[in-house]
Amino acid sequence: MDMFTLMSGLQLTCIYGILAIGVSIIWSSLGMLNLAHGFTFAASGYGAWWAATTFSKSAWVVFGAGISTGALIGIVIYFVAFLYIHDRPNYPIRAL
């Protein structure tokens, strides 16, 4: 691998990380509920990897497993976090 490509990728990753940290700090200082999508994306990727190594290497099976895992994680997050604060005041503002 070319060293320039490696360093450019590392630099871009650091920039994205700093932006994500800044957005998280801003949202938390405004009192907004911040459930970042990173966990859902990572869980979808692991679900797709698990389907590829366990069941089949077919792209449709792997794609469906990734989407299903992401949907399942989204439903769990809704029932664990959002269901309890849904009827509280300022819900539309805090759950941006």
PDB file of N, CA and C in Angstrom:
ATOM      1  N   MET A   1       0.849  -1.170   0.000  1.00  0.00           N
ATOM      2  CA  MET A   1       0.000   0.000   0.000  1.00  0.00           C
ATOM      3  C   MET A   1       0.897   1.236   0.000  1.00  0.00           C
ATOM      4  N   ASP A   2       0.497   2.206  -0.727  1.00  0.00           N
ATOM      5  CA  ASP A   2       1.240   3.448  -0.819  1.00  0.00           C
ATOM      6  C   ASP A   2       1.150   4.211   0.501  1.00  0.00           C
ATOM      7  N   MET A   3       2.267   4.752   0.956  1.00  0.00           N
ATOM      8  CA  MET A   3       2.305   5.467   2.230  1.00  0.00           C
ATOM      9  C   MET A   3       1.452   6.738   2.194  1.00  0.00           C
ATOM     10  N   PHE A   4       1.399   7.401   1.043  1.00  0.00           N
ATOM     11  CA  PHE A   4       0.580   8.604   0.912  1.00  0.00           C
ATOM     12  C   PHE A   4      -0.900   8.277   1.094  1.00  0.00           C
ATOM     13  N   THR A   5      -1.343   7.175   0.507  1.00  0.00           N
ATOM     14  CA  THR A   5      -2.743   6.768   0.646  1.00  0.00           C
ATOM     15  C   THR A   5      -3.066   6.430   2.093  1.00  0.00           C
ATOM     16  N   LEU A   6      -2.149   5.745   2.749  1.00  0.00           N
ATOM     17  CA  LEU A   6      -2.353   5.382   4.146  1.00  0.00           C
ATOM     18  C   LEU A   6      -2.443   6.620   5.036  1.00  0.00           C
ATOM     19  N   MET A   7      -1.547   7.569   4.835  1.00  0.00           N
ATOM     20  CA  MET A   7      -1.557   8.778   5.657  1.00  0.00           C
ATOM     21  C   MET A   7      -2.768   9.666   5.349  1.00  0.00           C
ATOM     22  N   SER A   8      -3.179   9.715   4.092  1.00  0.00           N
ATOM     23  CA  SER A   8      -4.370  10.494   3.738  1.00  0.00           C
ATOM     24  C   SER A   8      -5.617   9.896   4.373  1.00  0.00           C
ATOM     25  N   GLY A   9      -5.718   8.576   4.363  1.00  0.00           N
ATOM     26  CA  GLY A   9      -6.855   7.917   5.010  1.00  0.00           C
ATOM     27  C   GLY A   9      -6.871   8.144   6.507  1.00  0.00           C
ATOM     28  N   LEU A  10      -5.710   8.092   7.130  1.00  0.00           N
ATOM     29  CA  LEU A  10      -5.624   8.343   8.566  1.00  0.00           C
ATOM     30  C   LEU A  10      -5.992   9.784   8.898  1.00  0.00           C
ATOM     31  N   GLN A  11      -5.544  10.715   8.080  1.00  0.00           N
ATOM     32  CA  GLN A  11      -5.871  12.125   8.289  1.00  0.00           C
ATOM     33  C   GLN A  11      -7.374  12.372   8.137  1.00  0.00           C
ATOM     34  N   LEU A  12      -7.984  11.796   7.128  1.00  0.00           N
ATOM     35  CA  LEU A  12      -9.420  11.962   6.918  1.00  0.00           C
ATOM     36  C   LEU A  12     -10.218  11.328   8.059  1.00  0.00           C
ATOM     37  N   THR A  13      -9.751  10.188   8.560  1.00  0.00           N
ATOM     38  CA  THR A  13     -10.408   9.544   9.692  1.00  0.00           C
ATOM     39  C   THR A  13     -10.351  10.434  10.929  1.00  0.00           C
ATOM     40  N   CYS A  14      -9.224  11.067  11.171  1.00  0.00           N
ATOM     41  CA  CYS A  14      -9.106  11.979  12.314  1.00  0.00           C
ATOM     42  C   CYS A  14     -10.029  13.185  12.170  1.00  0.00           C
ATOM     43  N   ILE A  15     -10.143  13.714  10.971  1.00  0.00           N
ATOM     44  CA  ILE A  15     -11.039  14.855  10.748  1.00  0.00           C
ATOM     45  C   ILE A  15     -12.485  14.454  11.015  1.00  0.00           C
ATOM     46  N   TYR A  16     -12.909  13.298  10.503  1.00  0.00           N
ATOM     47  CA  TYR A  16     -14.276  12.835  10.756  1.00  0.00           C
ATOM     48  C   TYR A  16     -14.515  12.595  12.244  1.00  0.00           C
ATOM     49  N   GLY A  17     -13.526  12.055  12.934  1.00  0.00           N
ATOM     50  CA  GLY A  17     -13.667  11.822  14.365  1.00  0.00           C
ATOM     51  C   GLY A  17     -13.823  13.108  15.150  1.00  0.00           C
ATOM     52  N   ILE A  18     -13.028  14.123  14.803  1.00  0.00           N
ATOM     53  CA  ILE A  18     -13.128  15.416  15.480  1.00  0.00           C
ATOM     54  C   ILE A  18     -14.490  16.059  15.214  1.00  0.00           C
ATOM     55  N   LEU A  19     -14.985  15.954  13.986  1.00  0.00           N
ATOM     56  CA  LEU A  19     -16.315  16.487  13.679  1.00  0.00           C
ATOM     57  C   LEU A  19     -17.398  15.769  14.480  1.00  0.00           C
ATOM     58  N   ALA A  20     -17.297  14.453  14.595  1.00  0.00           N
ATOM     59  CA  ALA A  20     -18.301  13.694  15.347  1.00  0.00           C
ATOM     60  C   ALA A  20     -18.270  14.049  16.826  1.00  0.00           C
ATOM     61  N   ILE A  21     -17.087  14.230  17.377  1.00  0.00           N
ATOM     62  CA  ILE A  21     -16.979  14.619  18.780  1.00  0.00           C
ATOM     63  C   ILE A  21     -17.564  16.013  18.994  1.00  0.00           C
ATOM     64  N   GLY A  22     -17.302  16.921  18.069  1.00  0.00           N
ATOM     65  CA  GLY A  22     -17.854  18.273  18.179  1.00  0.00           C
ATOM     66  C   GLY A  22     -19.369  18.289  18.137  1.00  0.00           C
ATOM     67  N   VAL A  23     -19.944  17.526  17.220  1.00  0.00           N
ATOM     68  CA  VAL A  23     -21.407  17.457  17.136  1.00  0.00           C
ATOM     69  C   VAL A  23     -21.986  16.848  18.407  1.00  0.00           C
ATOM     70  N   SER A  24     -21.329  15.831  18.935  1.00  0.00           N
ATOM     71  CA  SER A  24     -21.807  15.206  20.165  1.00  0.00           C
ATOM     72  C   SER A  24     -21.756  16.175  21.341  1.00  0.00           C
ATOM     73  N   ILE A  25     -20.700  16.966  21.435  1.00  0.00           N
ATOM     74  CA  ILE A  25     -20.599  17.954  22.513  1.00  0.00           C
ATOM     75  C   ILE A  25     -21.671  19.028  22.365  1.00  0.00           C
ATOM     76  N   ILE A  26     -21.897  19.491  21.156  1.00  0.00           N
ATOM     77  CA  ILE A  26     -22.925  20.516  20.932  1.00  0.00           C
ATOM     78  C   ILE A  26     -24.301  19.977  21.292  1.00  0.00           C
ATOM     79  N   TRP A  27     -24.623  18.767  20.850  1.00  0.00           N
ATOM     80  CA  TRP A  27     -25.939  18.209  21.153  1.00  0.00           C
ATOM     81  C   TRP A  27     -26.119  17.993  22.645  1.00  0.00           C
ATOM     82  N   SER A  28     -25.100  17.523  23.333  1.00  0.00           N
ATOM     83  CA  SER A  28     -25.256  17.282  24.766  1.00  0.00           C
ATOM     84  C   SER A  28     -25.360  18.595  25.539  1.00  0.00           C
ATOM     85  N   SER A  29     -24.693  19.651  25.089  1.00  0.00           N
ATOM     86  CA  SER A  29     -24.816  20.936  25.784  1.00  0.00           C
ATOM     87  C   SER A  29     -26.182  21.571  25.563  1.00  0.00           C
ATOM     88  N   LEU A  30     -26.852  21.233  24.472  1.00  0.00           N
ATOM     89  CA  LEU A  30     -28.203  21.730  24.222  1.00  0.00           C
ATOM     90  C   LEU A  30     -29.273  20.871  24.887  1.00  0.00           C
ATOM     91  N   GLY A  31     -28.874  19.767  25.492  1.00  0.00           N
ATOM     92  CA  GLY A  31     -29.817  18.893  26.162  1.00  0.00           C
ATOM     93  C   GLY A  31     -30.537  17.938  25.240  1.00  0.00           C
ATOM     94  N   MET A  32     -30.004  17.713  24.053  1.00  0.00           N
ATOM     95  CA  MET A  32     -30.649  16.796  23.109  1.00  0.00           C
ATOM     96  C   MET A  32     -30.193  15.365  23.351  1.00  0.00           C
ATOM     97  N   LEU A  33     -31.068  14.456  23.069  1.00  0.00           N
ATOM     98  CA  LEU A  33     -30.740  13.047  23.180  1.00  0.00           C
ATOM     99  C   LEU A  33     -29.944  12.639  21.951  1.00  0.00           C
ATOM    100  N   ASN A  34     -28.736  12.156  22.158  1.00  0.00           N
ATOM    101  CA  ASN A  34     -27.858  11.814  21.047  1.00  0.00           C
ATOM    102  C   ASN A  34     -27.642  10.307  21.021  1.00  0.00           C
ATOM    103  N   LEU A  35     -28.357   9.636  20.185  1.00  0.00           N
ATOM    104  CA  LEU A  35     -28.104   8.218  19.950  1.00  0.00           C
ATOM    105  C   LEU A  35     -27.499   8.115  18.558  1.00  0.00           C
ATOM    106  N   ALA A  36     -26.199   8.085  18.509  1.00  0.00           N
ATOM    107  CA  ALA A  36     -25.504   8.084  17.229  1.00  0.00           C
ATOM    108  C   ALA A  36     -25.793   6.786  16.480  1.00  0.00           C
ATOM    109  N   HIS A  37     -25.675   6.851  15.188  1.00  0.00           N
ATOM    110  CA  HIS A  37     -25.997   5.705  14.347  1.00  0.00           C
ATOM    111  C   HIS A  37     -24.836   4.730  14.205  1.00  0.00           C
ATOM    112  N   GLY A  38     -23.710   5.034  14.791  1.00  0.00           N
ATOM    113  CA  GLY A  38     -22.537   4.181  14.641  1.00  0.00           C
ATOM    114  C   GLY A  38     -22.755   2.765  15.144  1.00  0.00           C
ATOM    115  N   PHE A  39     -23.431   2.622  16.280  1.00  0.00           N
ATOM    116  CA  PHE A  39     -23.685   1.288  16.814  1.00  0.00           C
ATOM    117  C   PHE A  39     -24.581   0.486  15.885  1.00  0.00           C
ATOM    118  N   THR A  40     -25.592   1.122  15.342  1.00  0.00           N
ATOM    119  CA  THR A  40     -26.497   0.431  14.422  1.00  0.00           C
ATOM    120  C   THR A  40     -25.759  -0.005  13.162  1.00  0.00           C
ATOM    121  N   PHE A  41     -24.910   0.869  12.623  1.00  0.00           N
ATOM    122  CA  PHE A  41     -24.144   0.517  11.430  1.00  0.00           C
ATOM    123  C   PHE A  41     -23.168  -0.621  11.717  1.00  0.00           C
ATOM    124  N   ALA A  42     -22.498  -0.565  12.874  1.00  0.00           N
ATOM    125  CA  ALA A  42     -21.548  -1.616  13.225  1.00  0.00           C
ATOM    126  C   ALA A  42     -22.258  -2.950  13.440  1.00  0.00           C
ATOM    127  N   ALA A  43     -23.397  -2.926  14.110  1.00  0.00           N
ATOM    128  CA  ALA A  43     -24.153  -4.160  14.326  1.00  0.00           C
ATOM    129  C   ALA A  43     -24.655  -4.735  13.007  1.00  0.00           C
ATOM    130  N   SER A  44     -25.056  -3.877  12.075  1.00  0.00           N
ATOM    131  CA  SER A  44     -25.475  -4.349  10.751  1.00  0.00           C
ATOM    132  C   SER A  44     -24.318  -5.005  10.021  1.00  0.00           C
ATOM    133  N   GLY A  45     -23.148  -4.416  10.132  1.00  0.00           N
ATOM    134  CA  GLY A  45     -21.963  -5.010   9.507  1.00  0.00           C
ATOM    135  C   GLY A  45     -21.613  -6.356  10.107  1.00  0.00           C
ATOM    136  N   TYR A  46     -21.696  -6.481  11.426  1.00  0.00           N
ATOM    137  CA  TYR A  46     -21.432  -7.769  12.063  1.00  0.00           C
ATOM    138  C   TYR A  46     -22.494  -8.806  11.697  1.00  0.00           C
ATOM    139  N   GLY A  47     -23.733  -8.366  11.575  1.00  0.00           N
ATOM    140  CA  GLY A  47     -24.784  -9.295  11.146  1.00  0.00           C
ATOM    141  C   GLY A  47     -24.552  -9.802   9.737  1.00  0.00           C
ATOM    142  N   ALA A  48     -24.113  -8.911   8.855  1.00  0.00           N
ATOM    143  CA  ALA A  48     -23.802  -9.321   7.483  1.00  0.00           C
ATOM    144  C   ALA A  48     -22.596 -10.251   7.457  1.00  0.00           C
ATOM    145  N   TRP A  49     -21.581  -9.947   8.260  1.00  0.00           N
ATOM    146  CA  TRP A  49     -20.397 -10.818   8.325  1.00  0.00           C
ATOM    147  C   TRP A  49     -20.764 -12.197   8.859  1.00  0.00           C
ATOM    148  N   TRP A  50     -21.607 -12.227   9.899  1.00  0.00           N
ATOM    149  CA  TRP A  50     -22.014 -13.504  10.473  1.00  0.00           C
ATOM    150  C   TRP A  50     -22.783 -14.342   9.452  1.00  0.00           C
ATOM    151  N   ALA A  51     -23.656 -13.702   8.695  1.00  0.00           N
ATOM    152  CA  ALA A  51     -24.411 -14.425   7.666  1.00  0.00           C
ATOM    153  C   ALA A  51     -23.486 -14.923   6.568  1.00  0.00           C
ATOM    154  N   ALA A  52     -22.470 -14.144   6.220  1.00  0.00           N
ATOM    155  CA  ALA A  52     -21.541 -14.556   5.163  1.00  0.00           C
ATOM    156  C   ALA A  52     -20.681 -15.730   5.597  1.00  0.00           C
ATOM    157  N   THR A  53     -20.313 -15.786   6.867  1.00  0.00           N
ATOM    158  CA  THR A  53     -19.465 -16.886   7.328  1.00  0.00           C
ATOM    159  C   THR A  53     -20.263 -18.106   7.759  1.00  0.00           C
ATOM    160  N   THR A  54     -21.517 -17.928   8.136  1.00  0.00           N
ATOM    161  CA  THR A  54     -22.312 -19.044   8.638  1.00  0.00           C
ATOM    162  C   THR A  54     -23.195 -19.672   7.574  1.00  0.00           C
ATOM    163  N   PHE A  55     -23.925 -18.867   6.837  1.00  0.00           N
ATOM    164  CA  PHE A  55     -24.923 -19.397   5.919  1.00  0.00           C
ATOM    165  C   PHE A  55     -24.440 -19.471   4.481  1.00  0.00           C
ATOM    166  N   SER A  56     -24.219 -18.339   3.885  1.00  0.00           N
ATOM    167  CA  SER A  56     -23.958 -18.305   2.455  1.00  0.00           C
ATOM    168  C   SER A  56     -23.148 -17.066   2.115  1.00  0.00           C
ATOM    169  N   LYS A  57     -22.443 -17.136   1.024  1.00  0.00           N
ATOM    170  CA  LYS A  57     -21.715 -15.964   0.546  1.00  0.00           C
ATOM    171  C   LYS A  57     -22.496 -15.230  -0.532  1.00  0.00           C
ATOM    172  N   SER A  58     -23.753 -15.585  -0.688  1.00  0.00           N
ATOM    173  CA  SER A  58     -24.607 -14.899  -1.647  1.00  0.00           C
ATOM    174  C   SER A  58     -24.820 -13.451  -1.200  1.00  0.00           C
ATOM    175  N   ALA A  59     -24.701 -12.542  -2.141  1.00  0.00           N
ATOM    176  CA  ALA A  59     -24.821 -11.123  -1.805  1.00  0.00           C
ATOM    177  C   ALA A  59     -26.211 -10.789  -1.276  1.00  0.00           C
ATOM    178  N   TRP A  60     -27.234 -11.448  -1.788  1.00  0.00           N
ATOM    179  CA  TRP A  60     -28.601 -11.152  -1.342  1.00  0.00           C
ATOM    180  C   TRP A  60     -28.825 -11.599   0.095  1.00  0.00           C
ATOM    181  N   VAL A  61     -28.275 -12.743   0.465  1.00  0.00           N
ATOM    182  CA  VAL A  61     -28.421 -13.231   1.841  1.00  0.00           C
ATOM    183  C   VAL A  61     -27.678 -12.307   2.804  1.00  0.00           C
ATOM    184  N   VAL A  62     -26.466 -11.929   2.439  1.00  0.00           N
ATOM    185  CA  VAL A  62     -25.663 -11.053   3.294  1.00  0.00           C
ATOM    186  C   VAL A  62     -26.315  -9.679   3.413  1.00  0.00           C
ATOM    187  N   PHE A  63     -26.805  -9.150   2.307  1.00  0.00           N
ATOM    188  CA  PHE A  63     -27.473  -7.850   2.308  1.00  0.00           C
ATOM    189  C   PHE A  63     -28.729  -7.888   3.180  1.00  0.00           C
ATOM    190  N   GLY A  64     -29.519  -8.935   3.037  1.00  0.00           N
ATOM    191  CA  GLY A  64     -30.732  -9.074   3.847  1.00  0.00           C
ATOM    192  C   GLY A  64     -30.428  -9.231   5.322  1.00  0.00           C
ATOM    193  N   ALA A  65     -29.369  -9.970   5.637  1.00  0.00           N
ATOM    194  CA  ALA A  65     -28.997 -10.142   7.045  1.00  0.00           C
ATOM    195  C   ALA A  65     -28.529  -8.830   7.657  1.00  0.00           C
ATOM    196  N   GLY A  66     -27.793  -8.033   6.895  1.00  0.00           N
ATOM    197  CA  GLY A  66     -27.355  -6.731   7.404  1.00  0.00           C
ATOM    198  C   GLY A  66     -28.522  -5.799   7.658  1.00  0.00           C
ATOM    199  N   ILE A  67     -29.463  -5.766   6.727  1.00  0.00           N
ATOM    200  CA  ILE A  67     -30.643  -4.914   6.898  1.00  0.00           C
ATOM    201  C   ILE A  67     -31.498  -5.406   8.064  1.00  0.00           C
ATOM    202  N   SER A  68     -31.676  -6.706   8.175  1.00  0.00           N
ATOM    203  CA  SER A  68     -32.479  -7.261   9.270  1.00  0.00           C
ATOM    204  C   SER A  68     -31.846  -6.977  10.626  1.00  0.00           C
ATOM    205  N   THR A  69     -30.532  -7.106  10.708  1.00  0.00           N
ATOM    206  CA  THR A  69     -29.852  -6.818  11.967  1.00  0.00           C
ATOM    207  C   THR A  69     -29.991  -5.345  12.338  1.00  0.00           C
ATOM    208  N   GLY A  70     -29.830  -4.458  11.366  1.00  0.00           N
ATOM    209  CA  GLY A  70     -29.997  -3.028  11.632  1.00  0.00           C
ATOM    210  C   GLY A  70     -31.407  -2.684  12.073  1.00  0.00           C
ATOM    211  N   ALA A  71     -32.398  -3.303  11.435  1.00  0.00           N
ATOM    212  CA  ALA A  71     -33.790  -3.056  11.816  1.00  0.00           C
ATOM    213  C   ALA A  71     -34.072  -3.569  13.224  1.00  0.00           C
ATOM    214  N   LEU A  72     -33.542  -4.734  13.557  1.00  0.00           N
ATOM    215  CA  LEU A  72     -33.740  -5.294  14.890  1.00  0.00           C
ATOM    216  C   LEU A  72     -33.092  -4.414  15.958  1.00  0.00           C
ATOM    217  N   ILE A  73     -31.894  -3.932  15.692  1.00  0.00           N
ATOM    218  CA  ILE A  73     -31.227  -3.042  16.638  1.00  0.00           C
ATOM    219  C   ILE A  73     -32.011  -1.737  16.784  1.00  0.00           C
ATOM    220  N   GLY A  74     -32.546  -1.210  15.692  1.00  0.00           N
ATOM    221  CA  GLY A  74     -33.361   0.000  15.756  1.00  0.00           C
ATOM    222  C   GLY A  74     -34.607  -0.189  16.605  1.00  0.00           C
ATOM    223  N   ILE A  75     -35.244  -1.339  16.479  1.00  0.00           N
ATOM    224  CA  ILE A  75     -36.433  -1.632  17.288  1.00  0.00           C
ATOM    225  C   ILE A  75     -36.066  -1.741  18.760  1.00  0.00           C
ATOM    226  N   VAL A  76     -34.949  -2.391  19.057  1.00  0.00           N
ATOM    227  CA  VAL A  76     -34.504  -2.517  20.451  1.00  0.00           C
ATOM    228  C   VAL A  76     -34.187  -1.143  21.036  1.00  0.00           C
ATOM    229  N   ILE A  77     -33.506  -0.293  20.276  1.00  0.00           N
ATOM    230  CA  ILE A  77     -33.198   1.060  20.757  1.00  0.00           C
ATOM    231  C   ILE A  77     -34.484   1.846  21.006  1.00  0.00           C
ATOM    232  N   TYR A  78     -35.472   1.677  20.142  1.00  0.00           N
ATOM    233  CA  TYR A  78     -36.746   2.373  20.344  1.00  0.00           C
ATOM    234  C   TYR A  78     -37.397   1.943  21.652  1.00  0.00           C
ATOM    235  N   PHE A  79     -37.472   0.634  21.895  1.00  0.00           N
ATOM    236  CA  PHE A  79     -38.147   0.160  23.098  1.00  0.00           C
ATOM    237  C   PHE A  79     -37.352   0.448  24.363  1.00  0.00           C
ATOM    238  N   VAL A  80     -36.034   0.480  24.277  1.00  0.00           N
ATOM    239  CA  VAL A  80     -35.219   0.736  25.464  1.00  0.00           C
ATOM    240  C   VAL A  80     -35.123   2.227  25.771  1.00  0.00           C
ATOM    241  N   ALA A  81     -34.951   3.065  24.751  1.00  0.00           N
ATOM    242  CA  ALA A  81     -34.662   4.476  25.006  1.00  0.00           C
ATOM    243  C   ALA A  81     -35.829   5.408  24.708  1.00  0.00           C
ATOM    244  N   PHE A  82     -36.434   5.298  23.548  1.00  0.00           N
ATOM    245  CA  PHE A  82     -37.404   6.305  23.118  1.00  0.00           C
ATOM    246  C   PHE A  82     -38.810   6.095  23.663  1.00  0.00           C
ATOM    247  N   LEU A  83     -39.203   4.897  23.941  1.00  0.00           N
ATOM    248  CA  LEU A  83     -40.566   4.642  24.385  1.00  0.00           C
ATOM    249  C   LEU A  83     -40.862   5.329  25.715  1.00  0.00           C
ATOM    250  N   TYR A  84     -39.865   5.393  26.593  1.00  0.00           N
ATOM    251  CA  TYR A  84     -40.088   5.964  27.916  1.00  0.00           C
ATOM    252  C   TYR A  84     -40.106   7.486  27.908  1.00  0.00           C
ATOM    253  N   ILE A  85     -39.491   8.119  26.923  1.00  0.00           N
ATOM    254  CA  ILE A  85     -39.475   9.584  26.897  1.00  0.00           C
ATOM    255  C   ILE A  85     -40.435  10.152  25.863  1.00  0.00           C
ATOM    256  N   HIS A  86     -41.194   9.315  25.225  1.00  0.00           N
ATOM    257  CA  HIS A  86     -42.059   9.759  24.135  1.00  0.00           C
ATOM    258  C   HIS A  86     -43.122  10.743  24.594  1.00  0.00           C
ATOM    259  N   ASP A  87     -43.711  10.545  25.752  1.00  0.00           N
ATOM    260  CA  ASP A  87     -44.798  11.404  26.225  1.00  0.00           C
ATOM    261  C   ASP A  87     -44.326  12.539  27.122  1.00  0.00           C
ATOM    262  N   ARG A  88     -43.061  12.728  27.252  1.00  0.00           N
ATOM    263  CA  ARG A  88     -42.541  13.802  28.091  1.00  0.00           C
ATOM    264  C   ARG A  88     -42.509  15.116  27.321  1.00  0.00           C
ATOM    265  N   PRO A  89     -42.477  16.243  28.019  1.00  0.00           N
ATOM    266  CA  PRO A  89     -42.416  17.535  27.321  1.00  0.00           C
ATOM    267  C   PRO A  89     -41.102  17.695  26.554  1.00  0.00           C
ATOM    268  N   ASN A  90     -41.154  18.459  25.486  1.00  0.00           N
ATOM    269  CA  ASN A  90     -40.011  18.758  24.627  1.00  0.00           C
ATOM    270  C   ASN A  90     -39.461  17.530  23.916  1.00  0.00           C
ATOM    271  N   TYR A  91     -40.258  16.500  23.736  1.00  0.00           N
ATOM    272  CA  TYR A  91     -39.753  15.306  23.054  1.00  0.00           C
ATOM    273  C   TYR A  91     -39.298  15.595  21.626  1.00  0.00           C
ATOM    274  N   PRO A  92     -40.066  16.332  20.801  1.00  0.00           N
ATOM    275  CA  PRO A  92     -39.589  16.552  19.422  1.00  0.00           C
ATOM    276  C   PRO A  92     -38.287  17.336  19.361  1.00  0.00           C
ATOM    277  N   ILE A  93     -38.048  18.198  20.335  1.00  0.00           N
ATOM    278  CA  ILE A  93     -36.826  18.992  20.327  1.00  0.00           C
ATOM    279  C   ILE A  93     -35.643  18.157  20.794  1.00  0.00           C
ATOM    280  N   ARG A  94     -35.828  17.349  21.811  1.00  0.00           N
ATOM    281  CA  ARG A  94     -34.721  16.596  22.389  1.00  0.00           C
ATOM    282  C   ARG A  94     -34.336  15.362  21.588  1.00  0.00           C
ATOM    283  N   ALA A  95     -35.191  14.836  20.792  1.00  0.00           N
ATOM    284  CA  ALA A  95     -34.901  13.603  20.052  1.00  0.00           C
ATOM    285  C   ALA A  95     -34.677  13.887  18.578  1.00  0.00           C
ATOM    286  N   LEU A  96     -33.905  14.892  18.276  1.00  0.00           N
ATOM    287  CA  LEU A  96     -33.631  15.251  16.891  1.00  0.00           C
ATOM    288  C   LEU A  96     -32.915  14.168  16.152  1.00  0.00           C
TER     289      LEU A  96
END
